[in-house]
Amino acid sequence: MEQRKHWWNGKWGRIARKDIFLRVSGDQWYVEQRSGGADGVSTFVEFNGEEGALDAVRALLAGPEDWRELSVRPPAR
């Protein structure tokens, strides 16, 4: 699975931190919404195409948080 994008709400700490990830594997796209940092609780939604996944991400980013896009390292070749 390849991670394409990552957003973070800019808050530190297990209770306040939230992350959103956009990932792809073959033709399947995945959006992960995580609360609580690396050891937190995640919700995954699977999509058959990129556009549906991006629509879901845009809806999540429209909330009250101050989201920041974090850079993603390109895949090794």
N, C-alpha and C. Protein backbone atom coordinates (compact mmCIF):
# COMPACT_ATOMS: atom_id res chain seq x y z
N MET A 1 0.85 -1.16 0.00
CA MET A 1 0.00 0.00 0.00
C MET A 1 0.90 1.24 0.00
N GLU A 2 0.60 2.18 -0.86
CA GLU A 2 1.39 3.40 -1.00
C GLU A 2 0.64 4.59 -0.40
N GLN A 3 1.32 5.31 0.47
CA GLN A 3 0.70 6.51 1.05
C GLN A 3 0.91 7.68 0.10
N ARG A 4 -0.19 8.36 -0.26
CA ARG A 4 -0.11 9.48 -1.20
C ARG A 4 -0.12 10.83 -0.50
N LYS A 5 -0.92 10.97 0.56
CA LYS A 5 -1.04 12.26 1.26
C LYS A 5 -1.24 12.00 2.75
N HIS A 6 -0.88 13.03 3.54
CA HIS A 6 -1.05 12.95 4.99
C HIS A 6 -1.35 14.36 5.50
N TRP A 7 -2.40 14.48 6.28
CA TRP A 7 -2.76 15.74 6.91
C TRP A 7 -2.79 15.55 8.42
N TRP A 8 -2.45 16.60 9.15
CA TRP A 8 -2.38 16.58 10.60
C TRP A 8 -3.03 17.85 11.12
N ASN A 9 -3.74 17.76 12.24
CA ASN A 9 -4.44 18.92 12.77
C ASN A 9 -3.54 19.88 13.55
N GLY A 10 -2.24 19.61 13.60
CA GLY A 10 -1.30 20.52 14.22
C GLY A 10 -1.26 20.48 15.74
N LYS A 11 -1.93 19.52 16.33
CA LYS A 11 -1.98 19.42 17.78
C LYS A 11 -1.18 18.21 18.25
N TRP A 12 -0.47 18.39 19.36
CA TRP A 12 0.32 17.32 19.96
C TRP A 12 -0.46 16.66 21.08
N GLY A 13 -0.13 15.46 21.39
CA GLY A 13 -0.75 14.77 22.51
C GLY A 13 -1.76 13.74 22.07
N ARG A 14 -1.84 12.69 22.86
CA ARG A 14 -2.70 11.56 22.53
C ARG A 14 -4.16 11.94 22.39
N ILE A 15 -4.63 12.87 23.17
CA ILE A 15 -6.05 13.21 23.13
C ILE A 15 -6.38 14.17 21.98
N ALA A 16 -5.49 15.10 21.68
CA ALA A 16 -5.80 16.16 20.72
C ALA A 16 -5.41 15.85 19.27
N ARG A 17 -4.42 15.00 19.06
CA ARG A 17 -3.90 14.79 17.71
C ARG A 17 -4.87 14.01 16.84
N LYS A 18 -4.98 14.49 15.56
CA LYS A 18 -5.78 13.80 14.55
C LYS A 18 -4.99 13.80 13.24
N ASP A 19 -5.10 12.71 12.50
CA ASP A 19 -4.43 12.57 11.22
C ASP A 19 -5.41 12.01 10.19
N ILE A 20 -5.18 12.38 8.94
CA ILE A 20 -5.93 11.83 7.81
C ILE A 20 -4.89 11.38 6.79
N PHE A 21 -5.06 10.15 6.29
CA PHE A 21 -4.14 9.59 5.31
C PHE A 21 -4.91 9.20 4.06
N LEU A 22 -4.30 9.43 2.91
CA LEU A 22 -4.83 8.97 1.63
C LEU A 22 -3.84 7.94 1.10
N ARG A 23 -4.31 6.73 0.83
CA ARG A 23 -3.45 5.64 0.38
C ARG A 23 -4.07 4.93 -0.82
N VAL A 24 -3.21 4.24 -1.56
CA VAL A 24 -3.68 3.49 -2.73
C VAL A 24 -2.96 2.16 -2.79
N SER A 25 -3.69 1.14 -3.24
CA SER A 25 -3.12 -0.18 -3.48
C SER A 25 -3.82 -0.72 -4.72
N GLY A 26 -3.09 -0.77 -5.82
CA GLY A 26 -3.71 -1.19 -7.07
C GLY A 26 -4.77 -0.18 -7.48
N ASP A 27 -6.00 -0.66 -7.69
CA ASP A 27 -7.12 0.21 -8.06
C ASP A 27 -7.93 0.69 -6.86
N GLN A 28 -7.59 0.23 -5.67
CA GLN A 28 -8.34 0.58 -4.47
C GLN A 28 -7.69 1.75 -3.74
N TRP A 29 -8.52 2.70 -3.32
CA TRP A 29 -8.09 3.87 -2.58
C TRP A 29 -8.63 3.78 -1.16
N TYR A 30 -7.86 4.27 -0.21
CA TYR A 30 -8.23 4.18 1.20
C TYR A 30 -8.04 5.53 1.88
N VAL A 31 -8.99 5.89 2.72
CA VAL A 31 -8.87 7.07 3.57
C VAL A 31 -8.88 6.57 5.01
N GLU A 32 -7.84 6.94 5.74
CA GLU A 32 -7.76 6.60 7.16
C GLU A 32 -7.90 7.87 7.96
N GLN A 33 -8.80 7.85 8.92
CA GLN A 33 -8.96 8.96 9.86
C GLN A 33 -8.53 8.42 11.23
N ARG A 34 -7.47 9.01 11.80
CA ARG A 34 -6.90 8.50 13.05
C ARG A 34 -6.97 9.58 14.14
N SER A 35 -7.39 9.20 15.31
CA SER A 35 -7.39 10.07 16.49
C SER A 35 -6.47 9.46 17.52
N GLY A 36 -5.60 10.30 18.10
CA GLY A 36 -4.76 9.82 19.18
C GLY A 36 -3.34 9.46 18.82
N GLY A 37 -2.85 9.87 17.67
CA GLY A 37 -1.47 9.60 17.31
C GLY A 37 -1.27 8.17 16.82
N ALA A 38 -0.01 7.76 16.80
CA ALA A 38 0.36 6.46 16.23
C ALA A 38 -0.34 5.28 16.91
N ASP A 39 -0.62 5.40 18.19
CA ASP A 39 -1.28 4.32 18.93
C ASP A 39 -2.78 4.56 19.07
N GLY A 40 -3.30 5.51 18.31
CA GLY A 40 -4.71 5.89 18.44
C GLY A 40 -5.66 4.94 17.73
N VAL A 41 -6.87 5.40 17.59
CA VAL A 41 -7.95 4.63 16.97
C VAL A 41 -8.16 5.13 15.54
N SER A 42 -8.23 4.20 14.59
CA SER A 42 -8.39 4.55 13.18
C SER A 42 -9.70 4.04 12.62
N THR A 43 -10.21 4.80 11.66
CA THR A 43 -11.36 4.41 10.87
C THR A 43 -10.90 4.40 9.42
N PHE A 44 -11.16 3.31 8.70
CA PHE A 44 -10.76 3.18 7.31
C PHE A 44 -11.99 3.12 6.42
N VAL A 45 -11.91 3.80 5.28
CA VAL A 45 -12.96 3.72 4.27
C VAL A 45 -12.28 3.41 2.94
N GLU A 46 -12.83 2.45 2.22
CA GLU A 46 -12.26 2.00 0.95
C GLU A 46 -13.08 2.57 -0.21
N PHE A 47 -12.38 2.95 -1.29
CA PHE A 47 -13.03 3.53 -2.46
C PHE A 47 -12.53 2.84 -3.72
N ASN A 48 -13.38 2.80 -4.74
CA ASN A 48 -13.01 2.17 -6.01
C ASN A 48 -12.24 3.12 -6.92
N GLY A 49 -12.18 4.40 -6.56
CA GLY A 49 -11.48 5.37 -7.40
C GLY A 49 -10.93 6.52 -6.59
N GLU A 50 -9.99 7.22 -7.20
CA GLU A 50 -9.32 8.34 -6.53
C GLU A 50 -10.29 9.48 -6.23
N GLU A 51 -11.19 9.79 -7.15
CA GLU A 51 -12.08 10.94 -6.96
C GLU A 51 -12.98 10.77 -5.73
N GLY A 52 -13.52 9.59 -5.52
CA GLY A 52 -14.35 9.35 -4.34
C GLY A 52 -13.55 9.50 -3.05
N ALA A 53 -12.31 9.01 -3.07
CA ALA A 53 -11.44 9.13 -1.89
C ALA A 53 -11.11 10.59 -1.62
N LEU A 54 -10.81 11.35 -2.67
CA LEU A 54 -10.50 12.77 -2.50
C LEU A 54 -11.71 13.56 -2.00
N ASP A 55 -12.90 13.19 -2.47
CA ASP A 55 -14.12 13.84 -1.96
C ASP A 55 -14.26 13.61 -0.46
N ALA A 56 -13.97 12.39 -0.02
CA ALA A 56 -14.06 12.07 1.41
C ALA A 56 -13.03 12.87 2.20
N VAL A 57 -11.82 12.98 1.69
CA VAL A 57 -10.77 13.76 2.36
C VAL A 57 -11.19 15.22 2.46
N ARG A 58 -11.69 15.79 1.37
CA ARG A 58 -12.12 17.20 1.38
C ARG A 58 -13.20 17.43 2.43
N ALA A 59 -14.11 16.49 2.56
CA ALA A 59 -15.17 16.63 3.57
C ALA A 59 -14.58 16.60 4.98
N LEU A 60 -13.61 15.74 5.22
CA LEU A 60 -12.98 15.67 6.54
C LEU A 60 -12.18 16.94 6.84
N LEU A 61 -11.50 17.48 5.83
CA LEU A 61 -10.69 18.68 6.03
C LEU A 61 -11.53 19.94 6.21
N ALA A 62 -12.80 19.88 5.86
CA ALA A 62 -13.68 21.04 5.96
C ALA A 62 -14.11 21.33 7.40
N GLY A 63 -13.75 20.46 8.33
CA GLY A 63 -14.12 20.65 9.72
C GLY A 63 -13.39 21.82 10.36
N PRO A 64 -13.56 21.98 11.67
CA PRO A 64 -13.03 23.14 12.37
C PRO A 64 -11.52 23.10 12.66
N GLU A 65 -10.86 21.99 12.40
CA GLU A 65 -9.44 21.87 12.70
C GLU A 65 -8.60 22.72 11.74
N ASP A 66 -7.39 23.05 12.15
CA ASP A 66 -6.43 23.78 11.33
C ASP A 66 -5.49 22.76 10.69
N TRP A 67 -5.95 22.11 9.62
CA TRP A 67 -5.22 21.00 9.02
C TRP A 67 -3.99 21.49 8.28
N ARG A 68 -2.92 20.68 8.36
CA ARG A 68 -1.66 20.94 7.68
C ARG A 68 -1.30 19.71 6.87
N GLU A 69 -0.96 19.92 5.61
CA GLU A 69 -0.51 18.78 4.81
C GLU A 69 0.96 18.52 5.10
N LEU A 70 1.28 17.29 5.41
CA LEU A 70 2.65 16.88 5.67
C LEU A 70 3.20 16.25 4.40
N SER A 71 4.48 16.44 4.15
CA SER A 71 5.07 15.88 2.94
C SER A 71 5.16 14.37 3.07
N VAL A 72 5.06 13.71 1.95
CA VAL A 72 5.17 12.26 1.88
C VAL A 72 6.38 11.95 1.03
N ARG A 73 7.25 11.10 1.53
CA ARG A 73 8.45 10.72 0.79
C ARG A 73 8.05 9.91 -0.45
N PRO A 74 8.61 10.25 -1.61
CA PRO A 74 8.29 9.48 -2.81
C PRO A 74 8.75 8.02 -2.65
N PRO A 75 8.05 7.09 -3.30
CA PRO A 75 8.43 5.68 -3.18
C PRO A 75 9.83 5.44 -3.74
N ALA A 76 10.56 4.52 -3.14
CA ALA A 76 11.90 4.16 -3.63
C ALA A 76 11.77 3.45 -4.96
N ARG A 77 12.69 3.70 -5.82
CA ARG A 77 12.67 3.07 -7.16
C ARG A 77 13.85 2.18 -7.33
